[in-house]
Protein backbone atom coordinates (compact mmCIF):
# COMPACT_ATOMS: atom_id res chain seq x y z
CA ALA A 1 5.21 -5.31 18.20
CA THR A 2 9.14 -5.30 17.72
CA ARG A 3 11.15 -7.03 14.70
CA SER A 4 14.73 -7.17 13.81
CA SER A 5 15.81 -7.59 10.07
CA VAL A 6 17.78 -10.17 9.17
CA SER A 7 21.08 -8.86 9.66
CA GLY A 8 20.23 -7.39 12.89
CA GLN A 9 21.30 -3.61 11.78
CA PHE A 10 17.06 -2.61 11.48
CA VAL A 11 14.65 -2.50 14.27
CA VAL A 12 11.10 -2.05 13.86
CA ILE A 13 9.03 -0.82 16.79
CA GLY A 14 5.54 -0.83 16.10
CA ALA A 15 2.91 1.83 16.63
CA SER A 16 0.99 2.08 19.82
CA PRO A 17 -2.58 1.04 19.34
CA GLY A 18 -4.54 4.29 17.50
CA PRO A 19 -7.82 4.52 15.79
CA PRO A 20 -8.61 1.78 13.33
CA PRO A 21 -6.71 1.90 10.32
CA THR A 22 -8.27 3.18 7.13
CA ALA A 23 -7.90 1.60 3.47
CA VAL A 24 -4.98 2.82 1.59
CA THR A 25 -6.32 3.24 -1.92
CA ASN A 26 -3.68 5.28 -3.20
CA ALA A 27 -1.21 3.25 -4.96
CA GLU A 28 1.94 5.91 -4.03
CA PHE A 29 0.97 5.02 -0.23
CA VAL A 30 2.13 2.17 1.76
CA ARG A 31 0.88 0.79 5.28
CA LEU A 32 3.88 0.01 7.25
CA ASP A 33 3.98 -3.78 8.78
CA PRO A 34 6.57 -4.36 10.89
CA ALA A 35 8.11 -7.37 10.09
CA LEU A 36 7.60 -6.41 6.12
CA LEU A 37 9.56 -3.10 6.96
CA ALA A 38 12.25 -4.83 8.09
CA VAL A 39 12.67 -6.78 4.80
CA SER A 40 12.16 -3.77 2.93
CA ALA A 41 15.04 -1.75 4.69
CA GLU A 42 17.31 -4.79 3.91
CA ARG A 43 16.05 -4.41 0.37
CA ILE A 44 17.02 -0.86 0.08
CA LYS A 45 20.26 -1.13 1.74
CA LYS A 46 21.74 -3.81 -0.82
CA PRO A 47 21.09 -1.75 -3.77
CA VAL A 48 22.31 1.63 -2.12
CA SER A 49 25.53 -0.32 -1.19
CA ARG A 50 25.97 -1.82 -4.50
CA GLN A 51 25.50 1.46 -6.41
CA LEU A 52 28.57 2.71 -4.24
CA GLY A 53 30.97 -0.15 -5.02
CA ILE A 54 30.13 -1.33 -1.43
CA ASP A 55 29.84 -5.18 -0.33
CA PRO A 56 26.49 -5.22 1.17
CA MET A 57 27.64 -8.07 3.69
CA MET A 58 30.43 -5.73 5.28
CA PRO A 59 29.88 -5.56 8.87
CA TRP A 60 27.78 -2.67 9.98
CA ARG A 61 28.17 -0.51 13.14
CA GLY A 62 25.18 1.58 13.53
CA ARG A 63 21.88 0.23 14.37
CA ILE A 64 18.94 1.92 12.69
CA PHE A 65 15.69 1.71 14.62
CA LEU A 66 12.51 2.12 12.70
CA ALA A 67 10.11 3.75 15.11
CA LEU A 68 6.02 3.71 13.64
CA HIS A 69 3.56 5.72 15.00
CA PRO A 70 -0.07 6.54 13.83
CA ALA A 71 -0.38 8.46 10.70
CA ALA A 72 -1.75 12.42 11.24
CA SER A 73 -1.63 13.17 7.69
CA PRO A 74 -0.82 12.17 4.06
CA ASP A 75 2.36 14.59 3.84
CA GLU A 76 3.64 13.93 7.34
CA ASP A 77 7.53 14.44 7.61
CA VAL A 78 9.78 11.74 8.39
CA THR A 79 12.36 12.31 10.73
CA ILE A 80 16.04 10.72 11.58
CA ILE A 81 17.47 11.40 14.66
CA SER A 82 21.31 10.58 15.09
CA THR A 83 22.75 9.82 18.45
CA ARG A 84 26.23 9.11 19.58
CA PHE A 85 26.57 6.09 22.46
CA ALA A 86 29.81 4.35 23.69
CA GLY A 87 31.61 5.58 20.28
CA VAL A 88 28.89 4.13 18.11
CA TRP A 89 26.54 6.26 16.08
CA ASN A 90 22.96 5.03 16.06
CA TYR A 91 19.62 6.04 14.40
CA ARG A 92 16.12 6.48 14.96
CA VAL A 93 13.65 7.01 11.86
CA GLU A 94 10.17 8.64 13.00
CA LEU A 95 8.00 7.02 10.64
CA PRO A 96 4.01 7.04 10.39
CA GLU A 97 2.60 4.15 9.55
CA VAL A 98 0.88 5.26 6.06
CA VAL A 99 3.63 6.92 4.10
CA SER A 100 4.17 7.22 0.54
CA ARG A 101 6.67 5.17 -1.09
CA THR A 102 8.82 7.94 -1.82
CA ARG A 103 9.33 9.29 1.53
CA LEU A 104 9.84 5.98 2.78
CA THR A 105 12.43 4.99 0.18
CA ARG A 106 14.42 8.67 0.59
CA ALA A 107 14.36 8.09 4.41
CA LEU A 108 15.82 4.67 4.38
CA THR A 109 18.37 5.51 2.04
CA GLY A 110 19.17 8.51 3.93
CA ALA A 111 19.53 6.56 7.29
CA VAL A 112 21.78 4.05 5.36
CA LEU A 113 23.88 6.69 3.66
CA LEU A 114 24.10 8.15 7.45
CA GLU A 115 25.49 4.76 8.80
CA LEU A 116 28.34 4.62 5.98
CA ALA A 117 29.37 8.33 6.69
CA ASN A 118 29.40 7.75 10.36
CA ARG A 119 30.91 4.39 10.52
CA ASP A 120 34.32 5.61 11.59
CA ASN A 121 33.42 8.70 12.83
CA PRO A 122 35.11 9.33 16.34
CA GLY A 123 33.67 12.81 16.85
CA ASP A 124 30.34 14.14 18.48
CA ARG A 125 29.12 15.94 15.28
CA SER A 126 27.30 13.38 12.86
CA ALA A 127 28.06 13.75 9.02
CA GLU A 128 25.76 16.15 6.48
CA ILE A 129 24.29 13.85 3.66
CA PRO A 130 23.66 16.00 0.74
CA THR A 131 19.84 16.15 -0.11
CA TRP A 132 20.71 15.43 -3.76
CA LEU A 133 22.97 12.22 -2.66
CA THR A 134 19.83 10.87 -0.88
CA GLU A 135 17.05 12.15 -3.35
CA GLY A 136 19.27 10.87 -6.48
CA LEU A 137 19.56 7.38 -5.32
CA ALA A 138 16.41 6.74 -3.86
CA GLN A 139 14.97 8.02 -7.12
CA GLN A 140 16.99 5.40 -9.01
CA LEU A 141 15.78 2.83 -6.47
CA LEU A 142 12.24 3.79 -6.97
CA SER A 143 12.44 3.59 -10.90
CA ASP A 144 14.67 0.54 -11.04
CA THR A 145 13.52 -1.84 -8.27
CA PRO A 146 9.99 -1.00 -7.13
CA GLU A 147 9.18 -4.30 -5.92
CA MET A 148 11.72 -3.72 -2.85
CA ILE A 149 9.05 -1.92 -0.45
CA LEU A 150 6.67 -4.74 0.57
CA SER A 151 3.30 -4.08 2.28
CA PRO A 152 0.46 -5.81 3.87
CA PRO A 153 -2.03 -7.46 1.04
CA ASP A 154 -4.87 -4.62 0.39
CA LYS A 155 -7.33 -6.90 -1.55
CA THR A 156 -8.78 -10.35 -2.18
CA VAL A 157 -9.06 -11.70 -5.65
CA ASN A 158 -10.48 -15.25 -5.93
CA GLY A 159 -10.09 -16.04 -2.21
CA LEU A 160 -6.16 -15.11 -2.70
CA LEU A 161 -4.68 -11.80 -0.90
CA GLU A 162 -3.10 -9.39 -3.51
CA ASN A 163 -1.35 -6.40 -3.70
CA ARG A 164 -1.51 -3.34 -6.35
CA SER A 165 1.44 -3.82 -8.32
CA ALA A 166 2.18 -1.46 -11.41
CA ILE A 167 5.99 -2.77 -11.94
CA GLU A 168 7.64 -2.17 -15.52
CA ARG A 169 10.66 -4.51 -15.75
CA GLY A 170 13.46 -3.64 -18.44
CA VAL A 171 13.05 0.08 -18.83
CA ASP A 172 15.85 2.41 -18.06
CA ALA A 173 15.57 3.89 -14.45
CA LEU A 174 15.95 7.48 -15.72
CA ALA A 175 12.76 6.97 -18.24
CA LYS A 176 10.48 9.22 -15.87
CA ALA A 177 12.93 11.55 -15.66
CA ARG A 178 13.44 12.40 -19.29
CA PRO A 179 10.13 14.25 -19.87
CA VAL A 180 10.79 16.28 -16.90
CA LEU A 181 14.34 17.57 -18.20
CA GLN A 182 12.95 17.91 -21.83
CA ASP A 183 10.37 20.76 -20.71
CA HIS A 184 12.46 22.09 -18.25
CA PRO A 185 16.00 22.64 -17.47
CA ALA A 186 17.90 20.76 -14.86
CA LEU A 187 18.90 22.54 -11.72
CA THR A 188 22.17 23.83 -11.52
CA PHE A 189 24.64 22.17 -8.73
CA GLU A 190 23.93 25.11 -6.61
CA GLN A 191 20.18 24.73 -6.71
CA LEU A 192 20.59 20.97 -5.96
CA GLY A 193 22.30 21.96 -2.78
CA TRP A 194 19.29 23.93 -1.38
CA PRO A 195 15.97 22.40 -2.28
CA ASP A 196 12.84 23.51 -0.52
CA ASP A 197 9.73 21.68 0.79
CA ALA A 198 7.79 21.94 -2.53
CA GLN A 199 10.85 20.50 -4.35
CA LEU A 200 11.17 17.81 -2.41
CA SER A 201 7.38 16.59 -2.34
CA GLY A 202 7.47 17.08 -6.01
CA ASP A 203 5.31 20.34 -6.42
CA ASP A 204 8.05 21.47 -8.55
CA GLY A 205 6.74 19.11 -11.34
CA GLY A 206 9.45 16.64 -10.46
CA ILE A 207 12.38 18.71 -11.62
CA TYR A 208 14.32 18.54 -8.52
CA CYS A 209 13.85 14.71 -8.32
CA ALA A 210 15.01 13.92 -12.14
CA SER A 211 17.99 16.72 -11.49
CA ALA A 212 19.07 14.80 -8.50
CA GLN A 213 18.81 11.34 -10.00
CA LEU A 214 20.43 12.25 -13.25
CA PHE A 215 23.26 14.05 -11.26
CA VAL A 216 24.03 11.14 -9.10
CA GLY A 217 23.60 8.69 -12.25
CA LYS A 218 26.44 10.77 -14.04
CA LEU A 219 28.64 10.97 -11.09
CA LEU A 220 28.62 7.10 -11.06
CA GLU A 221 29.33 6.88 -14.54
CA LEU A 222 32.59 8.90 -13.75
CA ASN A 223 35.94 6.57 -13.94
CA GLN A 224 36.16 5.91 -10.20
CA GLY A 225 33.00 7.87 -9.61
CA ALA A 226 31.50 5.28 -7.08
CA GLU A 227 34.94 5.13 -5.14
CA HIS A 228 34.88 9.17 -5.10
CA LEU A 229 31.39 9.09 -3.53
CA ARG A 230 32.66 6.57 -1.15
CA VAL A 231 35.28 9.05 -0.22
CA MET A 232 33.11 11.75 0.00
CA LEU A 233 30.99 9.66 2.61
CA GLN A 234 33.87 8.73 4.61
CA ILE A 235 35.27 12.37 4.91
CA LEU A 236 32.05 14.08 5.65
CA PRO A 237 32.49 14.15 9.34
CA ARG A 238 35.90 16.11 9.12
CA TYR A 239 33.83 19.16 7.41
CA TYR A 240 30.74 21.56 8.26
CA ASN A 241 29.61 21.31 5.10
CA TRP A 242 29.14 18.52 2.22
CA GLN A 243 30.29 20.91 -0.48
CA THR A 244 33.87 21.15 0.73
CA ALA A 245 33.98 17.43 1.11
CA PHE A 246 32.47 16.79 -2.20
CA ARG A 247 35.38 19.17 -4.17
CA ALA A 248 37.87 17.19 -1.95
CA ALA A 249 36.75 13.86 -3.23
CA PHE A 250 36.16 14.79 -6.90
CA ALA A 251 39.05 17.07 -7.02
CA ALA A 252 40.72 14.53 -9.89
CA ASP A 253 37.75 14.75 -11.77
CA PHE A 254 36.69 18.71 -11.19
CA PRO A 255 39.79 20.49 -10.28
CA ARG A 256 37.99 23.83 -10.23
CA PRO A 257 34.20 24.71 -9.63
CA ILE A 258 34.07 25.92 -13.20
CA ASP A 259 34.97 22.22 -14.70
CA LEU A 260 31.94 21.11 -12.62
CA GLU A 261 29.68 23.40 -14.13
CA LYS A 262 30.94 22.86 -17.83
CA TRP A 263 30.74 19.37 -17.18
CA TRP A 264 27.12 19.17 -15.75
CA ALA A 265 25.99 21.58 -18.24
CA LEU A 266 27.04 19.21 -20.90
CA GLN A 267 25.60 16.29 -19.24
CA THR A 268 22.16 17.76 -19.13
CA VAL A 269 21.94 19.07 -22.48
CA SER A 270 23.07 15.60 -23.89
CA PHE A 271 20.44 14.23 -21.90
CA ALA A 272 17.76 16.22 -22.81
CA ALA A 273 18.50 16.03 -26.62
CA ARG A 274 18.61 12.24 -26.76
CA ALA A 275 15.29 10.70 -28.18
CA ALA A 276 12.30 10.47 -25.85
CA GLY A 277 10.79 7.44 -24.94
CA PRO A 278 11.72 4.97 -22.22
CA LEU A 279 15.09 3.06 -22.63
CA TRP A 280 16.09 -0.34 -21.72
CA THR A 281 17.97 -1.25 -18.55
CA THR A 282 21.60 -2.35 -19.06
CA ALA A 283 20.34 -6.11 -18.66
CA ALA A 284 17.66 -5.45 -21.12
CA SER A 285 19.75 -3.91 -23.58
CA SER A 286 22.26 -7.00 -23.24
CA ASP A 287 19.31 -9.50 -24.09
CA LYS A 288 17.90 -7.21 -26.83
CA LEU A 289 21.25 -7.25 -28.63
CA ASP A 290 22.06 -11.11 -28.13
CA GLU A 291 18.50 -11.38 -29.62
CA ILE A 292 19.12 -9.10 -32.70
CA LEU A 293 22.50 -10.92 -33.31
CA SER A 294 21.01 -14.54 -33.89
CA VAL A 295 18.86 -16.11 -35.95
CA PRO A 296 15.97 -18.43 -35.00
CA VAL A 297 16.11 -21.67 -37.41
CA GLU A 298 14.32 -25.10 -37.80
CA MET A 299 16.88 -27.98 -38.13
CA ARG A 300 15.96 -31.66 -39.03
CA SER A 301 18.41 -34.75 -38.41
CA ALA A 302 16.28 -36.47 -41.32
CA SER A 303 14.41 -35.58 -43.99
CA ASN A 304 11.47 -37.42 -41.85
CA SER A 305 12.25 -36.31 -38.43
CA LEU A 306 10.21 -33.47 -36.69
CA PRO A 307 11.95 -30.07 -36.76
CA VAL A 308 14.03 -29.12 -33.89
CA HIS A 309 14.33 -24.86 -32.86
CA ALA A 310 17.56 -23.43 -32.69
CA GLU A 311 19.37 -20.18 -33.20
CA ILE A 312 22.39 -19.87 -35.20
CA SER A 313 24.49 -16.68 -35.38
CA LEU A 314 25.06 -13.69 -37.88
CA GLN A 315 28.63 -15.52 -38.53
CA VAL A 316 26.77 -18.86 -39.37
CA VAL A 317 24.52 -17.08 -41.76
CA ILE A 318 27.21 -15.39 -43.75
CA ARG A 319 29.33 -18.55 -44.13
CA SER A 320 26.38 -21.10 -44.88
CA PHE A 321 23.52 -19.24 -46.74
CA ASP A 322 23.25 -18.13 -50.19
CA ALA A 323 23.20 -14.57 -51.31
CA ALA A 324 19.44 -14.06 -51.51
CA ARG A 325 18.67 -15.64 -48.05
CA GLN A 326 21.81 -13.63 -46.53
CA ALA A 327 20.82 -10.45 -47.93
CA ALA A 328 17.13 -10.78 -46.49
CA ILE A 329 18.33 -11.57 -43.12
CA LEU A 330 20.84 -9.00 -42.95
CA GLN A 331 18.51 -6.36 -44.27
CA THR A 332 16.27 -7.26 -41.27
CA LYS A 333 18.83 -7.63 -38.69
CA LEU A 334 20.26 -4.01 -39.69
CA GLN A 335 16.68 -2.57 -39.39
CA ASP A 336 16.24 -4.20 -35.65
CA LEU A 337 19.64 -2.67 -34.90
CA ALA A 338 18.69 0.75 -36.06
CA LEU A 339 15.41 0.64 -33.96
CA ALA A 340 16.83 -0.48 -30.82
CA GLN A 341 19.83 1.82 -30.95
CA TRP A 342 17.33 4.54 -29.81
CA ARG A 343 16.05 2.46 -26.58
CA MET A 344 19.86 1.12 -25.44
CA ALA A 345 21.23 1.70 -22.30
CA PRO A 346 24.28 4.22 -22.70
CA GLN A 347 26.56 1.35 -22.32
CA PHE A 348 25.45 -0.23 -25.55
CA VAL A 349 24.72 2.65 -27.75
CA VAL A 350 28.17 2.87 -29.41
CA LEU A 351 28.32 -1.25 -29.36
CA THR A 352 24.76 -1.57 -31.37
CA ASP A 353 26.16 1.22 -33.68
CA ALA A 354 28.97 -0.56 -34.51
CA TYR A 355 27.37 -3.77 -35.37
CA GLY A 356 25.03 -2.06 -37.35
CA ARG A 357 27.80 -0.26 -39.34
CA THR A 358 29.73 -3.60 -40.00
CA LEU A 359 26.59 -5.32 -41.50
CA ALA A 360 25.81 -1.80 -43.84
CA ASP A 361 29.55 -2.05 -44.68
CA TYR A 362 29.18 -5.85 -45.65
CA LEU A 363 26.07 -5.33 -47.34
CA VAL A 364 27.36 -2.52 -49.46
CA GLY A 365 30.69 -4.82 -50.46
CA ARG A 366 28.53 -7.47 -51.66
CA ASN A 367 25.41 -5.36 -53.44
CA GLY A 368 27.15 -2.21 -53.77
CA VAL A 369 24.07 -0.57 -52.41
CA ALA A 370 24.02 1.15 -49.04
CA PRO A 371 21.00 0.12 -46.48
CA ALA A 372 18.60 2.50 -46.00
CA SER A 373 18.42 2.22 -42.18
CA HIS A 374 22.27 3.12 -41.69
CA ALA A 375 22.34 5.75 -44.58
CA ALA A 376 24.50 9.29 -43.20
CA GLY A 377 22.61 10.78 -40.63
CA LYS A 378 20.04 8.30 -39.86
CA HIS A 379 21.56 7.09 -36.41
CA PRO A 380 20.71 8.54 -33.11
CA PRO A 381 23.78 10.71 -31.32
CA VAL A 382 26.38 8.51 -29.79
CA ALA A 383 28.15 9.36 -26.75
CA PRO A 384 31.41 8.13 -26.19
CA LEU A 385 31.67 5.71 -23.30
CA LYS A 386 33.25 6.24 -20.21
CA LYS A 387 35.87 4.07 -19.03
């Protein structure tokens, strides 16, 4: 069976008839269905494009063929073959019909990156995508949007077909990488460039995967980081190794190799030193901060009417409530801010701390006593925001 994705860029070629399929009992593995795989490929392409600041609806040039075959073993390799015909690069991804979610995401991410890099490549040599970029983006997608991979239902509950699901929403995508890099030092830039099979399969304790994810994430946080990664992809076909393309694209950030090493060492130390525990995503952090900065109240339009639930801002509390009620509410909010700051996404740490300090200063001005939750040295380390 052959299926095409909605954009037409992905074409899935079904596996040849083989032995009856066995049940997939490990949640990390997925049985690939041609129609669902076409949808999954489009779902992976969109966040990869967004991470790099590329419009996912931009016209594509290279077609990606996903060829399924009966699985020979649980750890079977996935192969990507690049071919150029009539001035256009196309790709064939050889996939076993039963594959781990990690290998599938890595393969589709790599194919999407290859198509982006070779889109305007007039030569006969395909671009070489650095493994850390493919791995870093793949791990980011697996952590942040695990529901992007679709598989046929694997069980029936009350007459309804269901899939296994272990999706935790609202938690920072680097939550799984944190304990790994707190127990083991992150790999150097040079080590990231030359992974072995054990590192890619996770047999190194997940150190390579965690290091690559952190490295890509920190590059994207740089000023114009996404733009520089796009430039690197565009110029990759001109060079025989990706290291030269990387240095050319990030010359403004790292004029000398030692600048990159110093920056990366600082990033890894800062990341490992941060409090353990799952962090919230940017969206979840924003929602949590909005929740803390509002106060639920019950309002009545008349003495004999039913109460109506509403929310008011802290500014209204300060303007309208008496001193005792005001102090009680603000003390509680101050404690909430102090606790939430440990789990906020990096973009919201400084803002959360600023709100806490403002409330603490206000309470000191009214009561003359510093709230315990924002006494000196009681807040987590704050990293400066990168513009």
